[in-house]
Amino acid sequence: LKMSNIYESAATTLGLFNSPCLTKVELRVACKGISDRDALSKPDPCVVLKMQSHGQWFEVDRTEVIRSSISPVFSKVFTVDYYFEEVQRLRFELHDISSNHNGLKEADFQGAMECTLGQIVSQRKLSKALLKQGNTAGKSSITVTAEELSGNDDYVELAFSAKKLDDKDFFSKSDPFLEIFRVNDDGTASLVHRTETIMNNLSPVWKSFKVSLNTLCSGHHERELKCTVWDWDSNGKHDFIGEFQTTFKEMKAAMDGKQIQWECINPKYQVKKKNYRNSGMVILTLCKIIKMHSFLDYIMGGCQIQFTVAIDFTASNGDPRNSCSLHYIHPYQPNEYLKALIAVGEICQDYDSDKMFPAFGFGAQIPPDFKVSHDFAVNFDEDNPECAGIQGVVEAYQNCLPKIQLYGPTNIAPIIQKVADSASEEMHTKEAMEYFILLILTDGVITDMADTREAIVHASHLPMSVIIVGIGSADFSDMQMLDGDDGILRSPKGEPVLRDIVQFVPFRNFKHASPAALAKSVLAEVPNQVVDYYNGKGIKPKCLSNFESSRAFSP
């Protein structure tokens, strides 16, 4: 244990896991069928949320106490940080808080429900029985509903023009530009956008621009925005033409194609000049909200993650009967193949409703005729290579080892191609239904590098990601090239990948760390890869429509 702590702290210092939590999830809780404390009084329920850290449960927060209720709907909202790449275990405990005569509060434990945050978000609404001591289910149940706390990462596109601006230049007309400021809570102003300057024109039409709602108004539609029009001067001493105040709420009226206009006012002139009206008009000609969908929008919209595993059965692994072999089945200690499979699979399985995982092998001679295959089903059922749960994959792997002959070479293009075929069928639905993750476990540098590069470039256009974990102590430097982080991966013909879809890590980097650290490292990129794919294709989350509409009415 000590070693893993040292590793984790070193990793944190090196910023290996600097996964900033960009996602917060709100959890709402309701219970049903709580049994009465005694015939005279109904229970006074309260739910305590605990999270697990290093095997221990810690209280994070608790709901209010609702008096005399057997089916409470709590108003308290739990806000938790969400990480796709971790298994986040939660425990909801129901307590009946009775005030006894001395005014002391006593809590009666009524039952608990344990689950992972991944399970809640992938189902969006999770209902389970509350288990009493000794894990017996009583009549009471709990329902937890998840909603992403929107980080307001939507963008707006705005376009302004003006007319009849004051002329500030002697020999030519003014050279106007517009600045938009957000007025902060403390009264300071932050520049949101400065348009280009349009020379010699009192009725300029500025280019449209995009800005995030967060930048424009910190997500508050009523926040004051201050807009100033200047006459540009080459010496940097720009002349003030006029200003006006508005809010994003006001701007939104331009979304229906209406134009909104403001009088551009110079306060000095307002005081000095008798019949001063304004220094021109500024017009908003376009206001469009561009929705940026998040990973959870897709997951909660019903997108499933299809997890496939491919295992290297080449001879370089060593004879599985020999204890030095990477495929040696130790009675007590899982080998590196199993450790990596379980670490990554345990997380992916929460996002796959049928929990059936196809498992393939490559580089072995397989029965009955012992021909080499680079994409055989580990359960030897070519029509249905799926195994039930991660446990099913582990069993199929252990059963198949004695029946095959480890061989070679190490070709992974066929297996990437096989998953790509499923992904391309999915792609034609034009819906965010299924995203494929292929986990390849291999002990050596691959032999078919050119074909593999070709296959990855092809796959980068599809809803899939590839994770490669190097097992054992081989030199994996060639594999780093597939992980396009440092340069752009190209096919042999020179075609670049559309997006970076490969993550490669050597297992030995995590030998002394927890399997969770390995999973964290390889899965951290996945949410961005999913979002990049669907947003890039302009595909919206599946059942967002009814979700959005329910959002409007939720209390």
Protein backbone atom coordinates (compact mmCIF):
# COMPACT_ATOMS: atom_id res chain seq x y z
CA LEU A 1 0.00 0.00 0.00
CA LYS A 2 2.81 2.40 0.93
CA MET A 3 4.33 2.02 -2.51
CA SER A 4 1.11 2.96 -4.27
CA ASN A 5 0.79 6.09 -2.12
CA ILE A 6 4.30 7.15 -3.06
CA TYR A 7 3.44 6.53 -6.69
CA GLU A 8 0.21 8.47 -6.54
CA SER A 9 1.83 11.46 -4.87
CA ALA A 10 4.69 11.42 -7.38
CA ALA A 11 2.17 11.19 -10.18
CA THR A 12 0.21 14.10 -8.78
CA THR A 13 3.33 16.22 -8.60
CA LEU A 14 4.21 15.33 -12.17
CA GLY A 15 0.67 16.23 -13.15
CA LEU A 16 -0.01 12.78 -14.61
CA PHE A 17 -3.56 12.83 -13.36
CA ASN A 18 -4.32 16.49 -13.56
CA SER A 19 -7.88 15.70 -14.48
CA PRO A 20 -9.56 18.95 -13.55
CA CYS A 21 -13.12 18.16 -12.65
CA LEU A 22 -15.04 19.99 -15.30
CA THR A 23 -18.20 18.10 -14.58
CA LYS A 24 -20.43 18.31 -11.58
CA VAL A 25 -23.53 16.19 -11.23
CA GLU A 26 -26.61 17.01 -9.20
CA LEU A 27 -28.30 14.08 -7.48
CA ARG A 28 -31.90 14.25 -6.26
CA VAL A 29 -33.24 11.65 -3.87
CA ALA A 30 -36.66 10.22 -3.05
CA CYS A 31 -37.67 7.18 -0.96
CA LYS A 32 -40.77 5.00 -0.95
CA GLY A 33 -42.39 2.63 1.51
CA ILE A 34 -40.47 3.48 4.68
CA SER A 35 -41.84 1.39 7.53
CA ASP A 36 -43.45 3.18 10.46
CA ARG A 37 -41.42 3.47 13.63
CA ASP A 38 -44.43 2.53 15.73
CA ALA A 39 -48.16 2.57 15.26
CA LEU A 40 -48.50 6.10 16.62
CA SER A 41 -46.05 8.11 14.56
CA LYS A 42 -44.77 8.17 11.02
CA PRO A 43 -40.99 8.23 10.39
CA ASP A 44 -38.96 11.46 10.06
CA PRO A 45 -36.58 10.44 7.27
CA CYS A 46 -33.20 11.84 6.28
CA VAL A 47 -30.74 10.47 3.68
CA VAL A 48 -26.98 10.59 4.24
CA LEU A 49 -24.67 10.40 1.21
CA LYS A 50 -21.29 8.74 1.73
CA MET A 51 -18.42 8.28 -0.71
CA GLN A 52 -15.71 5.70 -0.59
CA SER A 53 -12.07 6.66 -0.36
CA HIS A 54 -9.31 4.11 0.27
CA GLY A 55 -11.89 1.51 1.25
CA GLN A 56 -13.59 3.68 3.87
CA TRP A 57 -16.92 5.49 3.76
CA PHE A 58 -17.02 9.20 4.48
CA GLU A 59 -20.12 11.35 4.84
CA VAL A 60 -20.27 13.94 2.07
CA ASP A 61 -23.63 15.54 2.76
CA ARG A 62 -27.15 14.84 4.01
CA THR A 63 -30.68 15.84 3.11
CA GLU A 64 -33.08 17.78 5.29
CA VAL A 65 -35.31 15.82 7.67
CA ILE A 66 -38.88 15.51 6.39
CA ARG A 67 -41.45 15.18 9.16
CA SER A 68 -43.92 12.29 9.20
CA SER A 69 -43.37 10.89 5.74
CA ILE A 70 -43.24 7.34 4.45
CA SER A 71 -42.50 8.42 0.85
CA PRO A 72 -40.32 11.53 1.14
CA VAL A 73 -39.12 13.52 -1.87
CA PHE A 74 -36.15 15.50 -0.56
CA SER A 75 -35.53 19.05 -1.79
CA LYS A 76 -31.83 18.94 -0.94
CA VAL A 77 -29.67 18.45 -4.02
CA PHE A 78 -26.32 16.65 -3.67
CA THR A 79 -23.61 18.05 -5.93
CA VAL A 80 -20.72 15.67 -6.67
CA ASP A 81 -17.68 15.82 -8.93
CA TYR A 82 -17.87 13.30 -11.75
CA TYR A 83 -14.91 11.46 -13.29
CA PHE A 84 -15.54 9.00 -16.08
CA GLU A 85 -12.14 7.38 -15.58
CA GLU A 86 -12.74 6.34 -11.97
CA VAL A 87 -15.08 3.96 -10.21
CA GLN A 88 -16.78 6.31 -7.75
CA ARG A 89 -18.60 4.29 -5.12
CA LEU A 90 -21.56 5.92 -3.36
CA ARG A 91 -23.66 4.82 -0.41
CA PHE A 92 -27.06 6.31 0.41
CA GLU A 93 -28.18 5.66 4.00
CA LEU A 94 -31.73 6.26 5.14
CA HIS A 95 -32.11 7.28 8.77
CA ASP A 96 -35.24 7.95 10.78
CA ILE A 97 -34.43 10.94 12.96
CA SER A 98 -36.65 10.99 16.01
CA SER A 99 -36.49 13.78 18.56
CA ASN A 100 -36.91 12.11 21.92
CA HIS A 101 -38.04 13.80 25.11
CA ASN A 102 -34.69 15.36 26.03
CA GLY A 103 -34.61 17.12 22.68
CA LEU A 104 -31.74 14.84 21.65
CA LYS A 105 -31.95 13.48 18.13
CA GLU A 106 -31.62 9.78 17.67
CA ALA A 107 -31.15 8.23 14.30
CA ASP A 108 -32.56 4.83 13.47
CA PHE A 109 -30.78 3.20 10.53
CA GLN A 110 -33.48 2.14 8.04
CA GLY A 111 -31.39 0.75 5.20
CA ALA A 112 -28.75 1.61 2.63
CA MET A 113 -28.15 1.40 -1.09
CA GLU A 114 -24.69 1.20 -2.69
CA CYS A 115 -23.91 1.90 -6.32
CA THR A 116 -21.41 3.73 -8.51
CA LEU A 117 -21.87 7.23 -9.87
CA GLY A 118 -21.35 5.72 -13.34
CA GLN A 119 -24.42 3.52 -12.85
CA ILE A 120 -26.56 6.50 -11.87
CA VAL A 121 -25.53 8.72 -14.78
CA SER A 122 -25.76 5.97 -17.38
CA GLN A 123 -29.34 5.20 -16.28
CA ARG A 124 -30.15 8.80 -15.36
CA LYS A 125 -32.59 7.46 -12.79
CA LEU A 126 -31.67 4.57 -10.54
CA SER A 127 -34.18 2.86 -8.24
CA LYS A 128 -33.06 0.14 -5.85
CA ALA A 129 -34.21 -1.53 -2.66
CA LEU A 130 -32.74 -0.21 0.59
CA LEU A 131 -30.90 -3.06 2.29
CA LYS A 132 -31.04 -3.49 6.06
CA GLN A 133 -28.24 -4.89 8.20
CA GLY A 134 -27.27 -8.30 6.85
CA ASN A 135 -28.20 -7.16 3.34
CA THR A 136 -31.85 -8.13 3.57
CA ALA A 137 -34.19 -6.08 1.42
CA GLY A 138 -37.05 -4.46 3.27
CA LYS A 139 -40.12 -2.89 1.64
CA SER A 140 -38.47 0.48 1.22
CA SER A 141 -36.69 1.69 -1.90
CA ILE A 142 -34.71 4.72 -2.98
CA THR A 143 -34.65 6.55 -6.32
CA VAL A 144 -31.69 8.73 -7.29
CA THR A 145 -31.94 11.01 -10.31
CA ALA A 146 -28.88 12.59 -11.93
CA GLU A 147 -28.60 15.79 -13.86
CA GLU A 148 -25.44 17.40 -15.10
CA LEU A 149 -24.84 20.79 -13.54
CA SER A 150 -24.55 22.64 -16.79
CA GLY A 151 -21.25 24.44 -16.98
CA ASN A 152 -22.95 26.75 -19.47
CA ASP A 153 -20.51 25.82 -22.17
CA ASP A 154 -22.97 26.93 -24.82
CA TYR A 155 -21.79 29.52 -27.30
CA VAL A 156 -23.61 32.47 -28.80
CA GLU A 157 -23.02 33.98 -32.17
CA LEU A 158 -23.68 37.73 -32.33
CA ALA A 159 -23.53 40.26 -35.16
CA PHE A 160 -23.73 44.05 -34.73
CA SER A 161 -24.03 46.96 -37.11
CA ALA A 162 -24.61 50.69 -36.58
CA LYS A 163 -26.05 53.66 -38.38
CA LYS A 164 -25.72 57.45 -38.29
CA LEU A 165 -22.74 57.43 -35.94
CA ASP A 166 -21.22 60.81 -35.01
CA ASP A 167 -18.44 61.93 -37.29
CA LYS A 168 -15.23 62.49 -35.36
CA ASP A 169 -12.73 62.99 -38.20
CA PHE A 170 -12.16 66.25 -40.09
CA PHE A 171 -11.11 64.95 -43.48
CA SER A 172 -12.94 61.63 -43.57
CA LYS A 173 -15.71 59.82 -41.73
CA SER A 174 -15.21 58.04 -38.38
CA ASP A 175 -13.46 54.62 -38.24
CA PRO A 176 -15.74 52.83 -35.75
CA PHE A 177 -15.19 49.74 -33.65
CA LEU A 178 -17.35 48.32 -30.85
CA GLU A 179 -16.29 46.95 -27.45
CA ILE A 180 -18.52 44.79 -25.26
CA PHE A 181 -17.82 44.50 -21.53
CA ARG A 182 -19.33 42.25 -18.90
CA VAL A 183 -19.99 44.05 -15.61
CA ASN A 184 -18.85 41.75 -12.77
CA ASP A 185 -20.41 41.39 -9.33
CA ASP A 186 -17.74 43.62 -7.80
CA GLY A 187 -18.45 46.39 -10.31
CA THR A 188 -15.31 45.80 -12.40
CA ALA A 189 -15.70 45.24 -16.14
CA SER A 190 -14.17 42.45 -18.26
CA LEU A 191 -13.75 42.85 -22.00
CA VAL A 192 -15.80 40.21 -23.81
CA HIS A 193 -15.18 41.19 -27.43
CA ARG A 194 -13.72 43.95 -29.55
CA THR A 195 -14.86 44.09 -33.16
CA GLU A 196 -12.62 44.91 -36.08
CA THR A 197 -12.38 48.57 -37.14
CA ILE A 198 -14.31 49.62 -40.24
CA MET A 199 -12.60 52.56 -41.91
CA ASN A 200 -14.35 55.70 -43.05
CA ASN A 201 -17.93 54.55 -42.44
CA LEU A 202 -20.72 55.93 -40.24
CA SER A 203 -22.95 52.88 -40.87
CA PRO A 204 -20.54 49.99 -40.24
CA VAL A 205 -21.52 46.30 -40.43
CA TRP A 206 -19.16 44.37 -38.15
CA LYS A 207 -18.31 40.69 -38.62
CA SER A 208 -20.29 38.21 -36.55
CA PHE A 209 -18.38 36.55 -33.68
CA LYS A 210 -18.80 33.60 -31.34
CA VAL A 211 -18.33 33.76 -27.59
CA SER A 212 -19.19 31.35 -24.78
CA LEU A 213 -22.12 32.28 -22.56
CA ASN A 214 -19.73 31.91 -19.67
CA THR A 215 -17.49 34.66 -21.03
CA LEU A 216 -20.37 36.86 -22.13
CA CYS A 217 -22.34 36.93 -18.88
CA SER A 218 -20.96 34.19 -16.56
CA GLY A 219 -24.13 32.29 -17.40
CA HIS A 220 -26.40 34.98 -15.86
CA HIS A 221 -28.70 36.28 -18.56
CA GLU A 222 -29.60 39.41 -16.55
CA ARG A 223 -25.98 40.49 -15.99
CA GLU A 224 -25.31 44.02 -17.21
CA LEU A 225 -23.29 44.39 -20.42
CA LYS A 226 -21.71 47.69 -21.31
CA CYS A 227 -21.10 48.46 -24.98
CA THR A 228 -18.93 51.31 -26.23
CA VAL A 229 -18.38 52.60 -29.76
CA TRP A 230 -15.02 54.23 -30.53
CA ASP A 231 -13.53 56.07 -33.47
CA TRP A 232 -10.19 54.37 -34.09
CA ASP A 233 -7.08 56.52 -34.21
CA SER A 234 -3.68 55.34 -35.41
CA ASN A 235 -1.97 56.94 -32.41
CA GLY A 236 -4.02 54.75 -30.05
CA LYS A 237 -5.95 57.72 -28.61
CA HIS A 238 -9.32 56.55 -29.84
CA ASP A 239 -12.21 59.03 -29.73
CA PHE A 240 -15.30 58.10 -27.72
CA ILE A 241 -18.46 58.08 -29.85
CA GLY A 242 -21.04 56.73 -27.41
CA GLU A 243 -22.20 53.88 -25.21
CA PHE A 244 -25.24 51.86 -24.13
CA GLN A 245 -26.15 49.18 -21.56
CA THR A 246 -27.91 45.90 -22.26
CA THR A 247 -28.22 42.28 -21.04
CA PHE A 248 -28.08 38.93 -22.79
CA LYS A 249 -31.77 38.55 -21.90
CA GLU A 250 -32.46 41.63 -24.03
CA MET A 251 -30.25 40.34 -26.86
CA LYS A 252 -32.10 37.03 -26.96
CA ALA A 253 -35.09 38.82 -28.50
CA ALA A 254 -33.03 38.92 -31.71
CA MET A 255 -33.15 35.12 -31.88
CA ASP A 256 -36.42 35.15 -33.81
CA GLY A 257 -34.81 37.15 -36.60
CA LYS A 258 -35.97 40.45 -35.09
CA GLN A 259 -33.45 43.27 -34.98
CA ILE A 260 -32.85 45.04 -31.71
CA GLN A 261 -31.41 48.51 -31.56
CA TRP A 262 -29.97 50.78 -28.91
CA GLU A 263 -29.32 54.49 -28.89
CA CYS A 264 -25.63 55.16 -28.65
CA ILE A 265 -25.29 57.96 -26.05
CA ASN A 266 -22.45 60.36 -25.26
CA PRO A 267 -23.23 61.51 -21.68
CA LYS A 268 -21.21 64.74 -22.09
CA TYR A 269 -23.25 65.79 -25.11
CA GLN A 270 -26.43 64.86 -23.27
CA VAL A 271 -25.56 67.45 -20.63
CA LYS A 272 -24.15 70.13 -22.99
CA LYS A 273 -26.33 70.02 -26.09
CA LYS A 274 -29.93 71.19 -25.92
CA ASN A 275 -31.58 69.12 -28.58
CA TYR A 276 -29.16 66.14 -28.40
CA ARG A 277 -30.87 62.84 -29.27
CA ASN A 278 -28.06 60.35 -29.68
CA SER A 279 -24.72 59.69 -31.34
CA GLY A 280 -26.13 57.01 -33.63
CA MET A 281 -27.90 53.66 -33.35
CA VAL A 282 -26.31 50.24 -32.77
CA ILE A 283 -28.23 47.26 -34.14
CA LEU A 284 -27.99 43.58 -33.18
CA THR A 285 -28.75 41.70 -36.41
CA LEU A 286 -28.02 38.14 -35.26
CA CYS A 287 -28.19 36.24 -31.97
CA LYS A 288 -27.85 32.47 -32.18
CA ILE A 289 -27.23 29.99 -29.37
CA ILE A 290 -24.89 27.16 -30.34
CA LYS A 291 -25.35 24.15 -28.06
CA MET A 292 -22.18 22.36 -27.04
CA HIS A 293 -23.12 18.91 -25.80
CA SER A 294 -21.14 17.28 -23.04
CA PHE A 295 -20.12 13.66 -22.49
CA LEU A 296 -22.90 13.25 -19.92
CA ASP A 297 -25.47 14.72 -22.32
CA TYR A 298 -24.70 11.78 -24.63
CA ILE A 299 -24.53 9.17 -21.86
CA MET A 300 -27.74 10.40 -20.23
CA GLY A 301 -29.28 10.58 -23.68
CA GLY A 302 -28.89 6.81 -23.84
CA CYS A 303 -25.56 6.42 -25.64
CA GLN A 304 -24.06 3.04 -24.74
CA ILE A 305 -20.36 2.31 -24.58
CA GLN A 306 -19.61 -0.97 -26.34
CA PHE A 307 -16.50 -2.45 -24.80
CA THR A 308 -14.44 -5.02 -26.77
CA VAL A 309 -11.21 -6.63 -25.64
CA ALA A 310 -8.45 -8.19 -27.78
CA ILE A 311 -5.71 -10.31 -26.26
CA ASP A 312 -2.25 -11.07 -27.64
CA PHE A 313 -1.61 -14.85 -27.85
CA THR A 314 1.74 -14.71 -29.66
CA ALA A 315 4.60 -17.04 -28.71
CA SER A 316 6.74 -14.21 -27.28
CA ASN A 317 4.46 -14.29 -24.20
CA GLY A 318 6.06 -17.59 -23.17
CA ASP A 319 4.42 -20.99 -22.62
CA PRO A 320 1.35 -20.42 -20.38
CA ARG A 321 2.28 -23.52 -18.33
CA ASN A 322 5.56 -21.91 -17.35
CA SER A 323 5.40 -19.55 -14.37
CA CYS A 324 7.60 -16.99 -16.23
CA SER A 325 4.97 -16.66 -18.98
CA LEU A 326 2.96 -13.46 -19.18
CA HIS A 327 -0.07 -15.77 -19.65
CA TYR A 328 0.69 -17.95 -16.61
CA ILE A 329 -2.49 -18.49 -14.60
CA HIS A 330 -1.39 -18.11 -11.02
CA PRO A 331 -3.79 -19.63 -8.50
CA TYR A 332 -3.83 -16.52 -6.28
CA GLN A 333 -2.45 -13.63 -8.27
CA PRO A 334 -4.01 -12.42 -11.57
CA ASN A 335 -1.40 -11.93 -14.33
CA GLU A 336 -0.86 -8.55 -15.99
CA TYR A 337 -3.31 -9.33 -18.81
CA LEU A 338 -6.07 -9.93 -16.30
CA LYS A 339 -5.15 -6.94 -14.14
CA ALA A 340 -5.29 -4.56 -17.10
CA LEU A 341 -8.51 -6.10 -18.42
CA ILE A 342 -10.28 -5.87 -15.07
CA ALA A 343 -9.08 -2.31 -14.33
CA VAL A 344 -10.37 -0.87 -17.61
CA GLY A 345 -13.38 -3.18 -17.98
CA GLU A 346 -14.71 -2.46 -14.50
CA ILE A 347 -15.26 1.18 -15.47
CA CYS A 348 -16.60 0.61 -18.98
CA GLN A 349 -19.17 -1.93 -17.80
CA ASP A 350 -21.23 0.72 -15.99
CA TYR A 351 -21.97 2.35 -19.35
CA ASP A 352 -23.09 -0.80 -21.17
CA SER A 353 -26.62 -1.92 -20.36
CA ASP A 354 -26.39 -5.53 -21.52
CA LYS A 355 -22.96 -6.11 -19.90
CA MET A 356 -22.01 -8.45 -22.77
CA PHE A 357 -18.44 -7.97 -23.96
CA PRO A 358 -16.98 -9.41 -27.15
CA ALA A 359 -13.49 -10.84 -26.52
CA PHE A 360 -11.03 -11.73 -29.29
CA GLY A 361 -7.56 -13.20 -29.47
CA PHE A 362 -4.81 -12.72 -32.04
CA GLY A 363 -1.54 -14.39 -33.01
CA ALA A 364 -2.42 -17.99 -32.06
CA GLN A 365 -3.04 -21.22 -33.91
CA ILE A 366 -6.56 -22.25 -33.03
CA PRO A 367 -8.46 -25.55 -33.11
CA PRO A 368 -9.69 -27.52 -34.97
CA ASP A 369 -7.17 -27.11 -37.84
CA PHE A 370 -4.62 -24.91 -35.97
CA LYS A 371 -4.41 -22.14 -38.54
CA VAL A 372 -3.11 -18.78 -37.29
CA SER A 373 -5.90 -16.31 -36.56
CA HIS A 374 -5.70 -12.59 -35.77
CA ASP A 375 -9.31 -12.15 -34.69
CA PHE A 376 -10.73 -15.33 -33.17
CA ALA A 377 -13.44 -15.38 -30.49
CA VAL A 378 -11.88 -16.26 -27.14
CA ASN A 379 -14.98 -18.36 -26.35
CA PHE A 380 -14.57 -20.05 -29.79
CA ASP A 381 -18.11 -19.06 -30.76
CA GLU A 382 -17.53 -16.99 -33.90
CA ASP A 383 -21.23 -16.12 -34.23
CA ASN A 384 -21.42 -14.82 -30.68
CA PRO A 385 -18.04 -13.76 -29.27
CA GLU A 386 -19.73 -11.95 -26.36
CA CYS A 387 -18.98 -12.93 -22.77
CA ALA A 388 -21.26 -12.19 -19.82
CA GLY A 389 -19.63 -9.44 -17.77
CA ILE A 390 -15.95 -8.86 -17.16
CA GLN A 391 -16.02 -12.10 -15.16
CA GLY A 392 -17.21 -13.91 -18.32
CA VAL A 393 -14.23 -12.53 -20.26
CA VAL A 394 -11.84 -13.69 -17.52
CA GLU A 395 -13.32 -17.22 -17.59
CA ALA A 396 -13.29 -17.45 -21.40
CA TYR A 397 -9.62 -16.35 -21.37
CA GLN A 398 -8.65 -18.97 -18.79
CA ASN A 399 -10.55 -21.72 -20.64
CA CYS A 400 -9.07 -20.93 -24.02
CA LEU A 401 -5.38 -20.88 -23.01
CA PRO A 402 -4.90 -24.70 -22.82
CA LYS A 403 -6.68 -25.20 -26.18
CA ILE A 404 -4.57 -22.93 -28.40
CA GLN A 405 -0.99 -22.84 -29.60
CA LEU A 406 0.73 -19.47 -29.09
CA TYR A 407 2.25 -18.38 -32.38
CA GLY A 408 2.68 -15.09 -34.32
CA PRO A 409 3.14 -12.56 -35.85
CA THR A 410 1.63 -9.67 -33.82
CA ASN A 411 -0.95 -8.19 -36.19
CA ILE A 412 -3.60 -5.86 -34.74
CA ALA A 413 -5.02 -4.28 -37.91
CA PRO A 414 -7.55 -7.14 -38.41
CA ILE A 415 -9.07 -6.64 -34.95
CA ILE A 416 -9.21 -2.82 -35.32
CA GLN A 417 -10.93 -3.42 -38.66
CA LYS A 418 -13.41 -5.84 -37.09
CA VAL A 419 -14.56 -3.30 -34.47
CA ALA A 420 -14.52 -0.56 -37.14
CA ASP A 421 -17.01 -2.62 -39.16
CA SER A 422 -19.46 -2.60 -36.23
CA ALA A 423 -18.81 1.10 -35.62
CA SER A 424 -19.45 1.99 -39.24
CA GLU A 425 -22.82 0.20 -39.17
CA GLU A 426 -23.59 2.31 -36.10
CA MET A 427 -22.40 5.45 -37.87
CA HIS A 428 -25.09 5.12 -40.52
CA THR A 429 -27.83 5.47 -37.90
CA LYS A 430 -26.65 9.11 -37.50
CA GLU A 431 -27.65 8.85 -33.84
CA ALA A 432 -25.60 8.82 -30.66
CA MET A 433 -26.50 5.23 -29.82
CA GLU A 434 -23.27 3.33 -29.42
CA TYR A 435 -19.64 4.33 -29.05
CA PHE A 436 -17.02 1.58 -29.30
CA ILE A 437 -13.95 1.18 -27.11
CA LEU A 438 -11.43 -1.45 -28.17
CA LEU A 439 -8.92 -2.50 -25.52
CA ILE A 440 -5.89 -4.24 -27.04
CA LEU A 441 -3.53 -6.03 -24.65
CA THR A 442 -0.22 -6.90 -26.31
CA ASP A 443 3.23 -7.97 -25.18
CA GLY A 444 5.25 -6.63 -28.04
CA VAL A 445 5.77 -4.25 -30.85
CA ILE A 446 3.33 -4.96 -33.63
CA THR A 447 4.41 -6.45 -36.94
CA ASP A 448 1.82 -4.86 -39.22
CA MET A 449 2.55 -1.19 -38.46
CA ALA A 450 1.59 0.07 -41.95
CA ASP A 451 -1.77 -1.76 -41.95
CA THR A 452 -2.43 -0.66 -38.38
CA ARG A 453 -1.82 3.00 -39.22
CA GLU A 454 -4.18 2.63 -42.17
CA ALA A 455 -6.83 1.01 -39.93
CA ILE A 456 -6.52 3.74 -37.27
CA VAL A 457 -6.86 6.56 -39.81
CA HIS A 458 -9.99 4.85 -41.15
CA ALA A 459 -11.34 4.31 -37.61
CA SER A 460 -10.78 7.97 -36.66
CA HIS A 461 -13.86 8.79 -38.79
CA LEU A 462 -15.99 6.38 -36.75
CA PRO A 463 -17.54 6.38 -33.25
CA MET A 464 -14.66 4.45 -31.68
CA SER A 465 -11.51 4.76 -29.58
CA VAL A 466 -8.59 2.34 -29.23
CA ILE A 467 -6.71 1.74 -26.00
CA ILE A 468 -3.49 -0.26 -26.18
CA VAL A 469 -1.83 -1.54 -23.01
CA GLY A 470 1.68 -2.93 -23.40
CA ILE A 471 2.16 -6.00 -21.17
CA GLY A 472 5.61 -7.16 -20.04
CA SER A 473 9.01 -5.58 -20.49
CA ALA A 474 9.43 -5.27 -24.29
CA ASP A 475 10.63 -2.05 -25.93
CA PHE A 476 7.40 -0.26 -26.81
CA SER A 477 8.90 2.91 -28.31
CA ASP A 478 7.34 2.22 -31.73
CA MET A 479 3.91 2.01 -30.15
CA GLN A 480 4.13 5.57 -28.87
CA MET A 481 3.93 6.65 -32.49
CA LEU A 482 0.34 5.37 -32.73
CA ASP A 483 -0.70 7.60 -29.85
CA GLY A 484 -0.78 10.81 -31.87
CA ASP A 485 -0.03 13.04 -28.88
CA ASP A 486 3.38 14.24 -30.05
CA GLY A 487 2.85 14.29 -33.79
CA ILE A 488 -0.06 13.62 -36.08
CA LEU A 489 -0.44 9.97 -37.01
CA ARG A 490 -0.73 9.43 -40.77
CA SER A 491 -1.57 6.44 -42.91
CA PRO A 492 1.21 5.11 -45.19
CA LYS A 493 -0.40 7.15 -47.99
CA GLY A 494 -0.01 10.30 -45.88
CA GLU A 495 -3.66 10.75 -44.87
CA PRO A 496 -3.81 12.24 -41.34
CA VAL A 497 -6.12 10.94 -38.59
CA LEU A 498 -9.32 12.96 -38.29
CA ARG A 499 -9.03 12.90 -34.48
CA ASP A 500 -6.64 11.33 -32.00
CA ILE A 501 -8.33 8.06 -30.98
CA VAL A 502 -5.44 5.95 -29.67
CA GLN A 503 -4.14 5.85 -26.10
CA PHE A 504 -1.06 3.72 -25.45
CA VAL A 505 0.44 2.94 -22.02
CA PRO A 506 2.93 0.32 -20.88
CA PHE A 507 1.53 -1.64 -17.95
CA ARG A 508 4.92 -1.58 -16.23
CA ASN A 509 4.49 2.14 -15.51
CA PHE A 510 1.65 1.08 -13.22
CA LYS A 511 3.21 -2.03 -11.73
CA HIS A 512 3.41 -0.55 -8.26
CA ALA A 513 0.29 1.58 -8.49
CA SER A 514 -3.31 0.62 -8.08
CA PRO A 515 -5.16 -0.76 -11.11
CA ALA A 516 -7.32 2.36 -10.71
CA ALA A 517 -4.32 4.50 -11.68
CA LEU A 518 -3.94 2.54 -14.92
CA ALA A 519 -7.63 2.91 -15.76
CA LYS A 520 -7.47 6.60 -14.95
CA SER A 521 -4.55 7.11 -17.27
CA VAL A 522 -6.05 5.34 -20.29
CA LEU A 523 -9.68 6.35 -19.92
CA ALA A 524 -9.22 10.04 -19.09
CA GLU A 525 -9.25 10.93 -22.79
CA VAL A 526 -12.40 8.99 -23.66
CA PRO A 527 -15.06 11.58 -22.76
CA ASN A 528 -13.39 14.17 -24.99
CA GLN A 529 -13.07 11.64 -27.81
CA VAL A 530 -16.79 10.83 -27.57
CA VAL A 531 -17.76 14.53 -27.53
CA ASP A 532 -15.37 15.44 -30.37
CA TYR A 533 -16.83 12.70 -32.52
CA TYR A 534 -20.52 13.55 -32.06
CA ASN A 535 -20.15 17.33 -31.90
CA GLY A 536 -17.91 17.20 -34.98
CA LYS A 537 -20.61 15.26 -36.83
CA GLY A 538 -23.32 17.59 -35.53
CA ILE A 539 -25.08 14.67 -33.83
CA LYS A 540 -27.22 15.64 -30.86
CA PRO A 541 -27.69 13.44 -27.79
CA LYS A 542 -30.49 10.99 -28.40
CA CYS A 543 -33.37 11.71 -26.07
CA LEU A 544 -32.32 15.16 -25.06
CA SER A 545 -35.59 16.60 -26.33
CA ASN A 546 -37.72 15.08 -23.58
CA PHE A 547 -34.93 15.58 -21.06
CA GLU A 548 -34.67 19.29 -21.88
CA SER A 549 -38.41 19.68 -21.62
CA SER A 550 -38.49 17.91 -18.26
CA ARG A 551 -35.72 20.22 -17.11
CA ALA A 552 -37.90 23.25 -17.65
CA PHE A 553 -40.54 22.03 -15.22
CA SER A 554 -38.37 20.44 -12.59
CA PRO A 555 -38.78 22.39 -9.34
